[in-house]
Amino acid sequence: MDASPDPSAPEPLDRRAELSEFLRTRRARLQPQDVGLPEFGRARRVPGLRREELAQLAGVSVAYYTRLEQGNGRNVSAEVLDAIARALRLSDAEHAHLTHMAKPAQHKKKRRPARVQRVRTGLLHLLDSLEGIPAYVSGARSDILAWNPMAAAVFGDWGALPPEERNWARLVFLSPAYRDLFVEWDSKASDMVSYLRLYAGCHPDDPQLSALVGELSVKNDEFRRLWATHNVKEKGHGTKLIRHPLVGDMTLSYETLHLPDDPEQYVVTYHAESDSTSAEALRLLASWGADARRADVERVDPGGRAGRGRAG
């Protein structure tokens, strides 16, 4: 006999509602002058392009576009989605997000039971080899799966947290320490929500995602506001200003390495410009970490070596 559904399980995200809101918010951010349309004297009751203007730009009927914006993507062709993406001036990440939501049958992977995310041994060895470089592996929903000592020195002792709390979105929005750590916290917060939104387009049925979004929406007003913008973004590269409690401000550049054998996992590394004060700060943290690890080895395990962080 089939097991009864768990009444406490979070509801999956409504793909039709997500598609509708995504198209509406993308349309609202464009003005007629942005896309070369004349602006008539009639006052606009809502911001952005009207549906008929967007339909004109995409070369589809108003009724057709209206059905799509109402969440009905049945039988929509890839060519029409491409035309709408061009009309809305979507980024590559936004275009992919639109396609995943409008045509889920073509992109949806076979649903598998919830599983513990594992990091390959080779990746753990890679993290160990990056001495002086903060590096970690991020997984689904921006979970923190593994890290090296330098990442812990810069971002905090993730090993002291329960595995379910090792999540970037939860730390950024619920931990005051991380609000202090990122000088440009607003930018970091916006990035985190955009990453989650992109993941949600591919995995709307993920119960852990639904639980995370529900928890953050209840506990943090800023998360709730950012989630409603429907912005999406691919993890990439950039610069973060870190205000470290021991070594002060550091300007660190980051790179995200996508793993082809597991598209939900990424290796993220941070580095400072050579001969900068930030590079000196990293060297100082590395020296303190090396001293601490040596003391720990001598005290606990004379024949062992320093371990690597990993999810439990």
Protein backbone atom coordinates (compact mmCIF):
# COMPACT_ATOMS: atom_id res chain seq x y z
CA MET A 1 0.00 0.00 0.00
CA ASP A 2 1.26 3.49 -0.84
CA ALA A 3 2.45 5.59 2.04
CA SER A 4 0.21 8.48 3.03
CA PRO A 5 1.54 11.91 2.07
CA ASP A 6 3.32 13.76 4.83
CA PRO A 7 1.07 16.68 5.83
CA SER A 8 4.07 18.53 7.24
CA ALA A 9 6.00 18.40 3.97
CA PRO A 10 6.36 21.83 2.30
CA GLU A 11 4.31 22.49 -0.80
CA PRO A 12 6.35 22.55 -4.04
CA LEU A 13 6.62 25.83 -5.88
CA ASP A 14 3.76 26.48 -8.31
CA ARG A 15 5.47 26.46 -11.72
CA ARG A 16 2.58 28.25 -13.47
CA ALA A 17 2.52 31.02 -10.89
CA GLU A 18 6.31 31.31 -11.07
CA LEU A 19 6.19 31.62 -14.87
CA SER A 20 3.45 34.23 -14.68
CA GLU A 21 5.24 36.39 -12.13
CA PHE A 22 8.58 36.08 -13.91
CA LEU A 23 7.15 37.35 -17.21
CA ARG A 24 5.19 40.10 -15.50
CA THR A 25 8.21 41.40 -13.58
CA ARG A 26 10.46 41.25 -16.68
CA ARG A 27 7.86 43.22 -18.67
CA ALA A 28 7.49 45.78 -15.87
CA ARG A 29 11.17 46.72 -15.92
CA LEU A 30 11.08 47.85 -19.59
CA GLN A 31 9.83 51.21 -20.83
CA PRO A 32 8.68 51.93 -24.42
CA GLN A 33 11.74 54.09 -25.06
CA ASP A 34 13.97 51.20 -23.98
CA VAL A 35 12.80 49.12 -26.93
CA GLY A 36 12.24 51.83 -29.55
CA LEU A 37 8.46 52.12 -29.23
CA PRO A 38 6.69 55.50 -29.28
CA GLU A 39 5.24 56.63 -25.99
CA PHE A 40 1.66 57.84 -26.22
CA GLY A 41 0.07 60.41 -23.97
CA ARG A 42 -2.25 57.96 -22.20
CA ALA A 43 -1.11 57.52 -18.59
CA ARG A 44 0.11 54.05 -17.64
CA ARG A 45 -1.63 52.41 -14.71
CA VAL A 46 1.22 49.94 -14.19
CA PRO A 47 4.97 50.29 -14.77
CA GLY A 48 6.66 48.94 -17.86
CA LEU A 49 5.47 47.75 -21.23
CA ARG A 50 1.87 46.80 -21.86
CA ARG A 51 1.11 43.27 -22.92
CA GLU A 52 0.17 44.40 -26.41
CA GLU A 53 3.49 46.19 -26.80
CA LEU A 54 5.43 43.13 -25.73
CA ALA A 55 3.38 40.94 -28.07
CA GLN A 56 4.11 43.34 -30.93
CA LEU A 57 7.85 43.18 -30.24
CA ALA A 58 7.81 39.37 -30.06
CA GLY A 59 5.67 38.97 -33.17
CA VAL A 60 2.86 37.04 -31.46
CA SER A 61 -0.79 37.82 -30.82
CA VAL A 62 -1.82 39.58 -27.64
CA ALA A 63 -4.06 36.64 -26.72
CA TYR A 64 -1.19 34.18 -27.17
CA TYR A 65 1.18 36.20 -25.00
CA THR A 66 -1.52 36.79 -22.39
CA ARG A 67 -2.06 33.02 -22.04
CA LEU A 68 1.67 32.53 -21.57
CA GLU A 69 1.90 35.28 -18.96
CA GLN A 70 -1.00 33.66 -17.13
CA GLY A 71 1.21 30.59 -16.73
CA ASN A 72 -0.11 28.51 -19.63
CA GLY A 73 3.00 27.45 -21.53
CA ARG A 74 1.39 24.40 -23.12
CA ASN A 75 2.54 23.84 -26.71
CA VAL A 76 4.63 27.02 -26.80
CA SER A 77 7.47 26.61 -29.26
CA ALA A 78 11.15 27.26 -28.63
CA GLU A 79 11.07 29.86 -31.39
CA VAL A 80 8.31 31.84 -29.66
CA LEU A 81 10.17 31.66 -26.34
CA ASP A 82 13.30 32.92 -28.07
CA ALA A 83 11.35 35.82 -29.57
CA ILE A 84 9.84 36.72 -26.20
CA ALA A 85 13.25 36.49 -24.55
CA ARG A 86 14.65 38.91 -27.14
CA ALA A 87 11.73 41.28 -26.70
CA LEU A 88 12.17 41.25 -22.93
CA ARG A 89 15.95 41.62 -23.31
CA LEU A 90 16.59 38.64 -21.08
CA SER A 91 20.07 37.61 -20.04
CA ASP A 92 21.27 34.10 -20.89
CA ALA A 93 20.40 32.96 -17.36
CA GLU A 94 16.93 34.53 -17.58
CA HIS A 95 16.36 32.97 -21.02
CA ALA A 96 17.24 29.51 -19.69
CA HIS A 97 15.01 30.11 -16.65
CA LEU A 98 12.07 31.04 -18.89
CA THR A 99 12.54 27.92 -21.00
CA HIS A 100 12.72 25.63 -17.97
CA MET A 101 9.48 27.01 -16.57
CA ALA A 102 7.52 27.21 -19.84
CA LYS A 103 8.58 23.80 -21.21
CA PRO A 104 9.39 21.68 -18.15
CA ALA A 105 8.77 18.35 -19.89
CA GLN A 106 11.76 18.91 -22.17
CA HIS A 107 14.13 19.86 -19.37
CA LYS A 108 12.88 18.09 -16.28
CA LYS A 109 15.16 15.36 -15.07
CA LYS A 110 13.75 12.16 -13.69
CA ARG A 111 12.85 12.90 -10.11
CA ARG A 112 14.98 11.04 -7.65
CA PRO A 113 14.64 10.58 -3.91
CA ALA A 114 16.29 13.14 -1.67
CA ARG A 115 19.93 12.19 -1.23
CA VAL A 116 22.95 13.32 0.72
CA GLN A 117 25.13 15.42 -1.55
CA ARG A 118 28.58 13.85 -1.89
CA VAL A 119 31.82 15.51 -2.94
CA ARG A 120 34.26 13.47 -5.01
CA THR A 121 37.52 12.49 -3.34
CA GLY A 122 39.43 14.24 -6.11
CA LEU A 123 37.71 17.53 -5.29
CA LEU A 124 38.53 17.14 -1.61
CA HIS A 125 42.18 16.64 -2.55
CA LEU A 126 41.99 19.74 -4.75
CA LEU A 127 40.71 21.81 -1.84
CA ASP A 128 43.54 20.52 0.35
CA SER A 129 46.12 21.47 -2.29
CA LEU A 130 45.00 25.10 -2.51
CA GLU A 131 47.15 26.38 0.33
CA GLY A 132 46.63 30.06 1.02
CA ILE A 133 43.53 30.17 -1.21
CA PRO A 134 40.05 30.11 0.36
CA ALA A 135 38.03 27.51 -1.54
CA TYR A 136 34.85 25.53 -1.02
CA VAL A 137 32.37 23.33 -2.86
CA SER A 138 28.79 24.58 -3.09
CA GLY A 139 25.90 22.30 -3.98
CA ALA A 140 22.16 22.38 -4.56
CA ARG A 141 20.35 25.34 -2.97
CA SER A 142 23.80 26.88 -2.25
CA ASP A 143 24.52 24.28 0.43
CA ILE A 144 28.15 24.34 1.61
CA LEU A 145 29.47 20.82 1.09
CA ALA A 146 33.24 20.98 1.63
CA TRP A 147 35.91 23.60 2.27
CA ASN A 148 39.57 24.05 3.04
CA PRO A 149 41.12 25.64 6.16
CA MET A 150 41.55 29.01 4.44
CA ALA A 151 37.82 29.19 3.65
CA ALA A 152 37.10 28.55 7.32
CA ALA A 153 39.63 31.22 8.30
CA VAL A 154 37.90 33.81 6.11
CA PHE A 155 34.23 32.86 6.37
CA GLY A 156 33.93 31.10 9.71
CA ASP A 157 33.96 27.63 11.20
CA TRP A 158 31.33 25.86 9.13
CA GLY A 159 32.33 22.57 10.75
CA ALA A 160 30.83 23.80 14.02
CA LEU A 161 27.41 24.12 12.39
CA PRO A 162 24.90 21.29 11.93
CA PRO A 163 24.90 20.15 8.27
CA GLU A 164 21.42 21.58 7.63
CA GLU A 165 22.65 25.06 8.61
CA ARG A 166 25.61 25.04 6.20
CA ASN A 167 23.77 26.98 3.55
CA TRP A 168 24.79 30.34 2.12
CA ALA A 169 21.27 31.77 1.92
CA ARG A 170 20.51 30.83 5.51
CA LEU A 171 23.80 32.31 6.75
CA VAL A 172 23.49 35.54 4.77
CA PHE A 173 19.92 36.26 5.82
CA LEU A 174 19.78 34.83 9.33
CA SER A 175 23.27 35.33 10.79
CA PRO A 176 24.24 38.83 12.01
CA ALA A 177 27.91 37.82 11.70
CA TYR A 178 27.57 37.44 7.93
CA ARG A 179 25.80 40.78 7.60
CA ASP A 180 28.90 42.28 9.22
CA LEU A 181 31.31 40.14 7.19
CA PHE A 182 30.12 41.35 3.78
CA VAL A 183 30.59 45.13 3.52
CA GLU A 184 28.27 45.22 0.50
CA TRP A 185 25.74 42.94 2.12
CA ASP A 186 22.88 44.12 -0.11
CA SER A 187 24.75 42.88 -3.19
CA LYS A 188 25.57 39.53 -1.59
CA ALA A 189 21.93 39.10 -0.48
CA SER A 190 20.63 39.91 -3.98
CA ASP A 191 23.04 37.40 -5.53
CA MET A 192 21.96 34.64 -3.15
CA VAL A 193 18.27 35.07 -3.96
CA SER A 194 19.00 35.19 -7.70
CA TYR A 195 20.92 31.91 -7.46
CA LEU A 196 18.04 30.29 -5.58
CA ARG A 197 15.53 31.56 -8.14
CA LEU A 198 17.54 30.04 -10.98
CA TYR A 199 17.73 26.72 -9.14
CA ALA A 200 13.99 26.87 -8.42
CA GLY A 201 13.21 27.12 -12.13
CA CYS A 202 14.88 23.76 -12.67
CA HIS A 203 13.78 22.09 -9.43
CA PRO A 204 10.41 23.50 -8.33
CA ASP A 205 9.50 20.16 -6.72
CA ASP A 206 12.52 20.12 -4.39
CA PRO A 207 11.01 19.91 -0.87
CA GLN A 208 14.20 21.18 0.76
CA LEU A 209 14.09 24.27 -1.46
CA SER A 210 10.45 24.90 -0.55
CA ALA A 211 11.29 24.56 3.13
CA LEU A 212 14.24 26.92 2.83
CA VAL A 213 12.27 29.57 0.93
CA GLY A 214 9.41 29.28 3.39
CA GLU A 215 11.68 29.65 6.41
CA LEU A 216 13.57 32.64 5.02
CA SER A 217 10.36 34.34 3.86
CA VAL A 218 8.96 34.13 7.39
CA LYS A 219 12.13 35.14 9.20
CA ASN A 220 13.56 37.88 6.97
CA ASP A 221 11.68 40.76 5.30
CA GLU A 222 14.53 41.52 2.90
CA PHE A 223 14.58 37.96 1.60
CA ARG A 224 10.83 38.12 1.03
CA ARG A 225 11.21 41.39 -0.91
CA LEU A 226 14.06 40.07 -3.07
CA TRP A 227 12.28 36.78 -3.75
CA ALA A 228 9.32 38.73 -5.15
CA THR A 229 11.55 40.43 -7.75
CA HIS A 230 12.04 37.11 -9.60
CA ASN A 231 15.59 38.05 -10.58
CA VAL A 232 17.82 35.16 -11.65
CA LYS A 233 21.57 34.96 -12.02
CA GLU A 234 24.18 32.35 -12.85
CA LYS A 235 27.07 31.89 -10.44
CA GLY A 236 30.17 33.39 -11.99
CA HIS A 237 32.99 35.70 -10.94
CA GLY A 238 33.37 39.04 -9.23
CA THR A 239 34.78 40.86 -6.23
CA LYS A 240 33.68 40.96 -2.60
CA LEU A 241 34.76 43.34 0.15
CA ILE A 242 35.19 41.33 3.35
CA ARG A 243 35.36 42.96 6.79
CA HIS A 244 37.18 40.30 8.77
CA PRO A 245 37.04 40.56 12.58
CA LEU A 246 40.79 39.77 12.92
CA VAL A 247 42.60 41.22 9.87
CA GLY A 248 40.21 43.99 8.81
CA ASP A 249 38.98 44.78 5.31
CA MET A 250 39.99 42.55 2.39
CA THR A 251 39.11 42.94 -1.28
CA LEU A 252 38.87 39.41 -2.68
CA SER A 253 38.09 38.29 -6.21
CA TYR A 254 36.20 35.05 -6.67
CA GLU A 255 35.90 32.51 -9.49
CA THR A 256 33.24 29.82 -9.85
CA LEU A 257 34.20 26.56 -11.54
CA HIS A 258 31.26 24.54 -12.85
CA LEU A 259 31.57 20.76 -12.63
CA PRO A 260 30.32 18.96 -15.76
CA ASP A 261 29.73 15.62 -14.01
CA ASP A 262 27.46 17.23 -11.39
CA PRO A 263 25.85 20.47 -12.60
CA GLU A 264 24.57 21.24 -9.09
CA GLN A 265 28.08 21.47 -7.63
CA TYR A 266 30.58 24.31 -7.99
CA VAL A 267 34.08 24.98 -6.76
CA VAL A 268 34.44 28.60 -5.61
CA THR A 269 37.87 30.13 -4.97
CA TYR A 270 38.86 33.52 -3.59
CA HIS A 271 42.13 35.37 -4.15
CA ALA A 272 43.65 38.79 -3.56
CA GLU A 273 45.68 40.98 -5.89
CA SER A 274 49.40 40.30 -5.57
CA ASP A 275 51.34 42.49 -3.13
CA SER A 276 48.15 44.10 -1.83
CA THR A 277 47.13 44.61 1.77
CA SER A 278 44.43 41.99 1.16
CA ALA A 279 47.07 39.47 0.05
CA GLU A 280 49.05 40.20 3.20
CA ALA A 281 45.90 39.68 5.28
CA LEU A 282 45.35 36.28 3.66
CA ARG A 283 48.98 35.32 4.34
CA LEU A 284 48.50 36.31 7.96
CA LEU A 285 45.36 34.17 8.26
CA ALA A 286 47.15 31.27 6.58
CA SER A 287 50.07 31.48 9.04
CA TRP A 288 47.74 31.52 12.03
CA GLY A 289 45.83 28.55 10.60
CA ALA A 290 49.03 26.60 10.02
CA ASP A 291 50.17 27.22 13.60
CA ALA A 292 46.77 26.11 14.92
CA ARG A 293 46.77 22.94 12.83
CA ARG A 294 50.31 22.06 13.91
CA ALA A 295 49.36 22.47 17.56
CA ASP A 296 46.26 20.34 17.06
CA VAL A 297 48.24 17.55 15.36
CA GLU A 298 50.83 17.51 18.13
CA ARG A 299 48.17 17.44 20.84
CA VAL A 300 45.69 14.95 19.39
CA ASP A 301 47.21 12.80 16.67
CA PRO A 302 51.01 12.81 16.36
CA GLY A 303 50.89 10.63 13.26
CA GLY A 304 47.99 12.28 11.46
CA ARG A 305 47.46 15.32 9.25
CA ALA A 306 45.05 18.20 9.20
CA GLY A 307 41.62 17.21 7.96
CA ARG A 308 39.40 18.94 5.44
CA GLY A 309 35.95 20.31 6.06
CA ARG A 310 33.04 18.40 4.62
CA ALA A 311 29.32 18.06 5.16
CA GLY A 312 28.35 15.46 7.73
